[in-house]
Amino acid sequence: MKTAVYSARRYDKTMLGRANAGAGHELRFFEDRLTVSTAALAEGCEAVCVFVNDCADAEVLGILARQGTRLVATRSTGYNQIDVAAAEALGIAVVRVTDYSPHSVAEFAVGLLLAVNRKIARASTRTRDGNFDLEGLMGFDLHGKTVGVIGTGKIGAIFGRIMAGFGCTVLGHDPFVNPAFDQAGGRYVPVEELLALSDVVSLHCPLLESTRHIINAGTLARAKRGGILVNTSRGGLVDTNAAIEALKTGQLGGLAIDVYEQEANLFFQDLSTTIICDDVIQRLVSFPNVIVTGHQAFFTVEAISQIMQTTIDSIGAFERGEELLNRVPRG
């Protein structure tokens, strides 16, 4: 099946090609993001494969449909970059990766927490410059602290279990109760209580209208002063400007993010020799108690292999007219 693969980096080409070895789909790789101006690259392709920062809104989907596209496959669990209702109206099926190594993201979230709390990145930079002074590097023990987990699905439950292993009290908030979170030692509480009690809050929920800016000026004001916020889920969960104000006053004691609300024009590319015009991200990285990484929490051999195999399997199932096990619920 002829498939246009957007936002394709070298590892996408290698690992998607490896997964496709026995399937024989015709994959056309493009480094460009899918936008109105690049949709024409998929001319004649029955399937389009996208990633988190591609744009598959109604206008783009209309162009794709007129060119013969009948399937959009996203190499991610989240699908907020796709207008699912518009796709359904145009007769385009949408599939995602419903399951890949949840340990990859959960473990990375723990790594971010340790890095921002114990000032690991700052310490490493100092020692490279021959500075072995400890001034300004003091953190706090996680043992005995309270950790709040907003979103207790597979990733959130694993993160909670790891933090329980550190000797933390683990609180959770989610509209849906996950027995695995309870079994890991977590306890469900209202979000207001979670924020007020937690020394650390980690976000593991999808980006929906109901969760957009779930962390905002109001929720930050009600949170425990000096706490650390970790976000490895979706950038839009956090009102970044509100977080900056909370950092300035000390209400927020630390911020560790692998995702950013305006990341589409920044992440997954090398901008080290250019002028970055995003004043918000520039302000963020200027804080000594902030760590920003470029959406890499999912980036392990195990996770990527599973993502690519699932994507190829979905394209094959569509081509054969079989049930799409990973189809996104119709809009």
Protein backbone atom coordinates (compact mmCIF):
# COMPACT_ATOMS: atom_id res chain seq x y z
CA MET A 1 0.00 0.00 0.00
CA LYS A 2 1.43 3.36 -1.02
CA THR A 3 2.00 5.40 2.16
CA ALA A 4 3.33 8.91 2.71
CA VAL A 5 5.29 9.13 5.96
CA TYR A 6 5.56 12.68 7.31
CA SER A 7 7.94 14.07 9.96
CA ALA A 8 10.27 11.19 9.11
CA ARG A 9 13.65 11.21 10.83
CA ARG A 10 16.46 8.75 10.23
CA TYR A 11 15.26 6.44 13.01
CA ASP A 12 11.74 6.47 11.53
CA LYS A 13 13.08 5.39 8.16
CA THR A 14 15.24 2.65 9.69
CA MET A 15 12.74 1.17 12.13
CA LEU A 16 9.58 1.63 10.08
CA GLY A 17 11.43 0.10 7.13
CA ARG A 18 12.45 -2.82 9.33
CA ALA A 19 8.85 -3.39 10.43
CA ASN A 20 7.74 -3.18 6.81
CA ALA A 21 10.25 -5.75 5.55
CA GLY A 22 7.71 -8.57 5.46
CA ALA A 23 4.71 -6.43 4.56
CA GLY A 24 6.01 -4.81 1.40
CA HIS A 25 4.17 -1.48 1.60
CA GLU A 26 5.52 1.32 -0.58
CA LEU A 27 6.71 3.91 1.95
CA ARG A 28 7.51 7.44 0.84
CA PHE A 29 9.40 9.33 3.55
CA PHE A 30 9.23 13.11 3.98
CA GLU A 31 11.04 15.09 6.65
CA ASP A 32 8.44 17.83 6.32
CA ARG A 33 5.56 18.11 8.76
CA LEU A 34 2.11 17.55 7.29
CA THR A 35 0.52 20.95 6.68
CA VAL A 36 -1.67 22.57 4.05
CA SER A 37 1.46 23.40 2.04
CA THR A 38 2.94 19.88 2.20
CA ALA A 39 -0.22 17.79 1.78
CA ALA A 40 0.40 17.62 -1.98
CA LEU A 41 3.42 15.39 -1.30
CA ALA A 42 0.95 12.58 -0.53
CA GLU A 43 -0.62 12.72 -4.00
CA GLY A 44 -1.67 9.20 -4.96
CA CYS A 45 -0.96 7.70 -1.54
CA GLU A 46 -3.83 5.69 -0.06
CA ALA A 47 -2.38 6.05 3.44
CA VAL A 48 -0.66 8.87 5.28
CA CYS A 49 1.47 8.24 8.37
CA VAL A 50 1.86 11.19 10.76
CA PHE A 51 3.38 12.10 14.10
CA VAL A 52 2.40 14.31 17.03
CA ASN A 53 3.24 17.72 15.53
CA ASP A 54 1.74 17.13 12.10
CA CYS A 55 -1.46 18.99 11.24
CA ALA A 56 -4.36 16.87 10.03
CA ASP A 57 -7.16 19.41 10.42
CA ALA A 58 -10.25 19.58 8.25
CA GLU A 59 -8.54 21.59 5.51
CA VAL A 60 -5.56 19.25 5.26
CA LEU A 61 -7.78 16.16 5.38
CA GLY A 62 -9.88 17.59 2.57
CA ILE A 63 -6.78 17.90 0.39
CA LEU A 64 -5.69 14.37 1.26
CA ALA A 65 -9.13 12.92 0.49
CA ARG A 66 -9.22 14.57 -2.91
CA GLN A 67 -5.80 13.05 -3.65
CA GLY A 68 -6.99 9.54 -2.81
CA THR A 69 -5.98 9.10 0.84
CA ARG A 70 -8.28 6.75 2.76
CA LEU A 71 -6.26 6.11 5.93
CA VAL A 72 -4.36 8.28 8.39
CA ALA A 73 -2.09 6.38 10.79
CA THR A 74 -0.46 8.28 13.62
CA ARG A 75 2.73 6.97 15.19
CA SER A 76 1.47 7.94 18.63
CA THR A 77 -1.19 7.17 21.19
CA GLY A 78 -2.56 10.71 21.26
CA TYR A 79 -4.45 11.92 18.21
CA ASN A 80 -5.36 15.52 19.07
CA GLN A 81 -3.50 16.64 15.92
CA ILE A 82 -6.18 14.94 13.79
CA ASP A 83 -9.72 16.22 13.24
CA VAL A 84 -11.40 12.85 13.64
CA ALA A 85 -14.91 14.14 12.89
CA ALA A 86 -13.71 15.67 9.62
CA ALA A 87 -11.91 12.45 8.72
CA GLU A 88 -15.07 10.42 9.26
CA ALA A 89 -17.11 12.82 7.12
CA LEU A 90 -14.53 12.44 4.34
CA GLY A 91 -14.46 8.64 4.58
CA ILE A 92 -10.92 8.54 5.98
CA ALA A 93 -10.19 5.98 8.70
CA VAL A 94 -7.85 7.02 11.53
CA VAL A 95 -5.68 4.58 13.46
CA ARG A 96 -3.21 5.11 16.28
CA VAL A 97 -0.83 3.12 18.47
CA THR A 98 -2.95 2.21 21.47
CA ASP A 99 -0.21 0.39 23.30
CA TYR A 100 3.56 0.63 23.45
CA SER A 101 6.07 0.33 26.26
CA PRO A 102 4.53 2.47 29.02
CA HIS A 103 7.72 1.98 30.98
CA SER A 104 9.59 4.26 28.56
CA VAL A 105 7.58 7.35 29.49
CA ALA A 106 7.14 6.51 33.17
CA GLU A 107 10.86 5.91 33.67
CA PHE A 108 11.74 9.12 31.84
CA ALA A 109 9.34 11.08 34.05
CA VAL A 110 11.19 9.76 37.09
CA GLY A 111 14.48 10.74 35.45
CA LEU A 112 13.24 14.29 34.87
CA LEU A 113 12.07 14.53 38.47
CA LEU A 114 15.45 13.42 39.79
CA ALA A 115 17.29 15.72 37.42
CA VAL A 116 15.39 18.87 38.39
CA ASN A 117 15.25 18.07 42.10
CA ARG A 118 18.93 17.13 42.50
CA LYS A 119 20.18 19.73 39.96
CA ILE A 120 21.91 16.98 37.95
CA ALA A 121 22.13 18.89 34.66
CA ARG A 122 23.56 21.98 36.37
CA ALA A 123 26.08 19.87 38.29
CA SER A 124 27.22 18.12 35.11
CA THR A 125 27.72 21.44 33.31
CA ARG A 126 29.69 22.82 36.25
CA THR A 127 32.06 19.88 36.50
CA ARG A 128 32.77 20.06 32.78
CA ASP A 129 34.01 23.60 33.50
CA GLY A 130 36.08 22.43 36.45
CA ASN A 131 33.65 23.76 39.08
CA PHE A 132 33.05 21.18 41.81
CA ASP A 133 31.37 23.55 44.28
CA LEU A 134 28.06 22.30 45.76
CA GLU A 135 26.54 25.73 46.32
CA GLY A 136 23.08 25.93 44.77
CA LEU A 137 22.78 22.18 44.14
CA MET A 138 20.81 21.11 47.21
CA GLY A 139 17.66 19.05 46.57
CA PHE A 140 15.37 17.09 48.88
CA ASP A 141 14.79 13.42 49.66
CA LEU A 142 11.89 11.93 47.73
CA HIS A 143 11.47 9.34 50.48
CA GLY A 144 8.56 10.36 52.69
CA LYS A 145 7.24 12.96 50.24
CA THR A 146 3.81 13.01 48.59
CA VAL A 147 3.58 12.53 44.81
CA GLY A 148 0.43 13.34 42.88
CA VAL A 149 -0.33 11.56 39.62
CA ILE A 150 -2.90 13.19 37.35
CA GLY A 151 -3.91 10.50 34.87
CA THR A 152 -3.57 6.96 36.20
CA GLY A 153 -3.65 4.87 33.02
CA LYS A 154 -0.85 2.47 32.17
CA ILE A 155 1.91 5.08 32.28
CA GLY A 156 0.59 6.88 35.35
CA ALA A 157 0.17 3.60 37.25
CA ILE A 158 3.76 2.55 36.48
CA PHE A 159 5.04 5.97 37.50
CA GLY A 160 3.07 5.69 40.73
CA ARG A 161 4.51 2.25 41.43
CA ILE A 162 8.05 3.53 40.93
CA MET A 163 7.46 6.46 43.25
CA ALA A 164 5.95 4.15 45.87
CA GLY A 165 9.21 2.24 45.63
CA PHE A 166 11.03 5.44 46.58
CA GLY A 167 8.98 5.48 49.77
CA CYS A 168 6.57 8.19 48.64
CA THR A 169 2.90 8.57 49.46
CA VAL A 170 1.19 8.38 46.05
CA LEU A 171 -2.07 10.18 45.31
CA GLY A 172 -3.98 9.91 42.05
CA HIS A 173 -6.73 11.67 40.15
CA ASP A 174 -8.50 10.30 37.09
CA PRO A 175 -12.14 10.05 35.95
CA PHE A 176 -11.53 6.32 35.53
CA VAL A 177 -10.27 4.12 38.35
CA ASN A 178 -7.36 1.86 37.41
CA PRO A 179 -7.01 -1.17 39.74
CA ALA A 180 -3.29 -1.29 38.88
CA PHE A 181 -2.85 2.13 40.47
CA ASP A 182 -4.52 0.93 43.67
CA GLN A 183 -2.40 -2.20 43.66
CA ALA A 184 0.73 -0.05 43.31
CA GLY A 185 -0.16 1.66 46.59
CA GLY A 186 -1.85 4.73 45.12
CA ARG A 187 -4.90 6.41 46.60
CA TYR A 188 -7.49 8.37 44.62
CA VAL A 189 -8.39 11.86 45.85
CA PRO A 190 -10.07 14.95 44.35
CA VAL A 191 -7.69 17.02 42.24
CA GLU A 192 -7.87 19.92 44.70
CA GLU A 193 -6.63 17.68 47.51
CA LEU A 194 -3.93 16.19 45.31
CA LEU A 195 -2.56 19.63 44.43
CA ALA A 196 -2.68 20.89 48.01
CA LEU A 197 -0.81 17.89 49.44
CA SER A 198 1.68 16.94 46.73
CA ASP A 199 5.37 17.83 46.81
CA VAL A 200 5.55 16.54 43.23
CA VAL A 201 2.80 16.49 40.57
CA SER A 202 3.28 14.43 37.42
CA LEU A 203 0.91 14.64 34.44
CA HIS A 204 -0.03 11.47 32.54
CA CYS A 205 -3.37 12.31 30.93
CA PRO A 206 -4.40 12.86 27.30
CA LEU A 207 -4.98 16.33 25.87
CA LEU A 208 -8.72 16.85 25.62
CA GLU A 209 -10.87 19.94 25.87
CA SER A 210 -11.51 18.96 29.48
CA THR A 211 -7.79 18.68 30.28
CA ARG A 212 -6.40 21.62 28.28
CA HIS A 213 -4.56 23.90 30.73
CA ILE A 214 -5.49 21.64 33.61
CA ILE A 215 -2.48 23.30 35.20
CA ASN A 216 -3.19 27.02 35.14
CA ALA A 217 -2.87 30.10 37.33
CA GLY A 218 -5.75 28.99 39.52
CA THR A 219 -4.60 25.41 40.08
CA LEU A 220 -1.01 26.53 40.64
CA ALA A 221 -2.16 29.00 43.29
CA ARG A 222 -3.93 26.18 45.14
CA ALA A 223 -0.97 23.80 44.87
CA LYS A 224 1.50 23.16 47.67
CA ARG A 225 4.08 25.91 47.62
CA GLY A 226 7.50 24.95 46.30
CA GLY A 227 6.35 21.73 44.62
CA ILE A 228 7.78 20.29 41.42
CA LEU A 229 5.68 19.80 38.27
CA VAL A 230 6.59 17.12 35.71
CA ASN A 231 4.91 16.84 32.30
CA THR A 232 5.72 14.03 29.86
CA SER A 233 2.25 13.85 28.35
CA ARG A 234 1.09 16.79 26.18
CA GLY A 235 2.24 20.40 26.27
CA GLY A 236 -1.28 21.80 26.20
CA LEU A 237 -1.99 20.42 29.66
CA VAL A 238 0.03 23.31 31.12
CA ASP A 239 -0.53 27.05 30.75
CA THR A 240 3.15 27.82 30.28
CA ASN A 241 2.87 31.53 31.04
CA ALA A 242 1.10 30.73 34.31
CA ALA A 243 3.87 28.26 35.17
CA ILE A 244 6.50 30.95 34.51
CA GLU A 245 4.73 33.36 36.87
CA ALA A 246 4.55 30.63 39.53
CA LEU A 247 8.28 29.95 39.09
CA LYS A 248 9.05 33.63 39.54
CA THR A 249 7.22 33.80 42.87
CA GLY A 250 8.50 30.45 44.15
CA GLN A 251 4.99 28.99 44.26
CA LEU A 252 6.32 26.43 41.80
CA GLY A 253 9.64 25.13 43.03
CA GLY A 254 10.69 23.32 39.88
CA LEU A 255 9.46 22.38 36.41
CA ALA A 256 10.53 19.42 34.27
CA ILE A 257 8.85 19.09 30.87
CA ASP A 258 9.37 16.87 27.87
CA VAL A 259 6.49 18.49 25.99
CA TYR A 260 5.62 22.12 25.27
CA GLU A 261 2.42 23.73 24.08
CA GLN A 262 4.08 25.45 21.11
CA GLU A 263 6.55 22.67 20.34
CA ALA A 264 5.47 22.04 16.75
CA ASN A 265 7.92 24.56 15.28
CA LEU A 266 10.76 23.63 17.63
CA PHE A 267 10.97 19.97 18.56
CA PHE A 268 12.45 17.15 16.46
CA GLN A 269 14.87 19.45 14.64
CA ASP A 270 18.29 20.99 15.19
CA LEU A 271 17.95 24.74 15.75
CA SER A 272 21.30 25.20 17.45
CA THR A 273 22.64 27.52 14.72
CA THR A 274 19.49 29.64 14.39
CA ILE A 275 17.78 32.39 16.36
CA ILE A 276 14.85 30.89 18.28
CA CYS A 277 12.07 33.45 18.22
CA ASP A 278 9.88 31.73 20.79
CA ASP A 279 10.27 34.04 23.79
CA VAL A 280 8.36 31.69 26.11
CA ILE A 281 10.67 28.71 25.63
CA GLN A 282 13.68 31.02 25.91
CA ARG A 283 12.35 32.31 29.22
CA LEU A 284 11.71 28.78 30.45
CA VAL A 285 15.22 27.52 29.81
CA SER A 286 16.68 30.56 31.58
CA PHE A 287 15.40 29.33 34.96
CA PRO A 288 17.91 27.29 36.97
CA ASN A 289 15.09 25.09 38.35
CA VAL A 290 13.63 24.15 34.94
CA ILE A 291 14.56 21.26 32.68
CA VAL A 292 13.20 21.04 29.13
CA THR A 293 13.75 18.04 26.87
CA GLY A 294 12.54 17.66 23.30
CA HIS A 295 9.69 15.10 23.48
CA GLN A 296 11.95 12.09 23.96
CA ALA A 297 10.21 10.23 26.80
CA PHE A 298 8.88 7.59 24.40
CA PHE A 299 12.24 7.19 22.69
CA THR A 300 13.47 3.70 23.58
CA VAL A 301 14.26 0.76 21.32
CA GLU A 302 11.36 -1.21 22.78
CA ALA A 303 8.80 1.56 22.40
CA ILE A 304 9.78 2.63 18.89
CA SER A 305 9.88 -0.97 17.64
CA GLN A 306 6.36 -1.56 18.92
CA ILE A 307 5.07 1.75 17.54
CA MET A 308 6.41 1.00 14.07
CA GLN A 309 5.17 -2.60 14.03
CA THR A 310 1.69 -1.58 15.16
CA THR A 311 1.58 1.12 12.48
CA ILE A 312 2.56 -1.31 9.72
CA ASP A 313 0.08 -3.90 11.01
CA SER A 314 -2.73 -1.33 10.91
CA ILE A 315 -1.89 -0.31 7.35
CA GLY A 316 -1.88 -3.97 6.32
CA ALA A 317 -5.21 -4.66 8.02
CA PHE A 318 -6.77 -1.68 6.24
CA GLU A 319 -5.41 -2.84 2.88
CA ARG A 320 -6.91 -6.30 3.43
CA GLY A 321 -10.25 -4.91 4.56
CA GLU A 322 -9.89 -6.37 8.04
CA GLU A 323 -11.14 -4.91 11.31
CA LEU A 324 -8.96 -2.04 12.49
CA LEU A 325 -8.11 -2.95 16.07
CA ASN A 326 -6.41 0.40 16.71
CA ARG A 327 -9.02 2.60 15.07
CA VAL A 328 -9.60 5.94 16.76
CA PRO A 329 -13.18 6.27 18.03
CA ARG A 330 -15.26 8.04 15.42
CA GLY A 331 -15.76 11.73 16.05
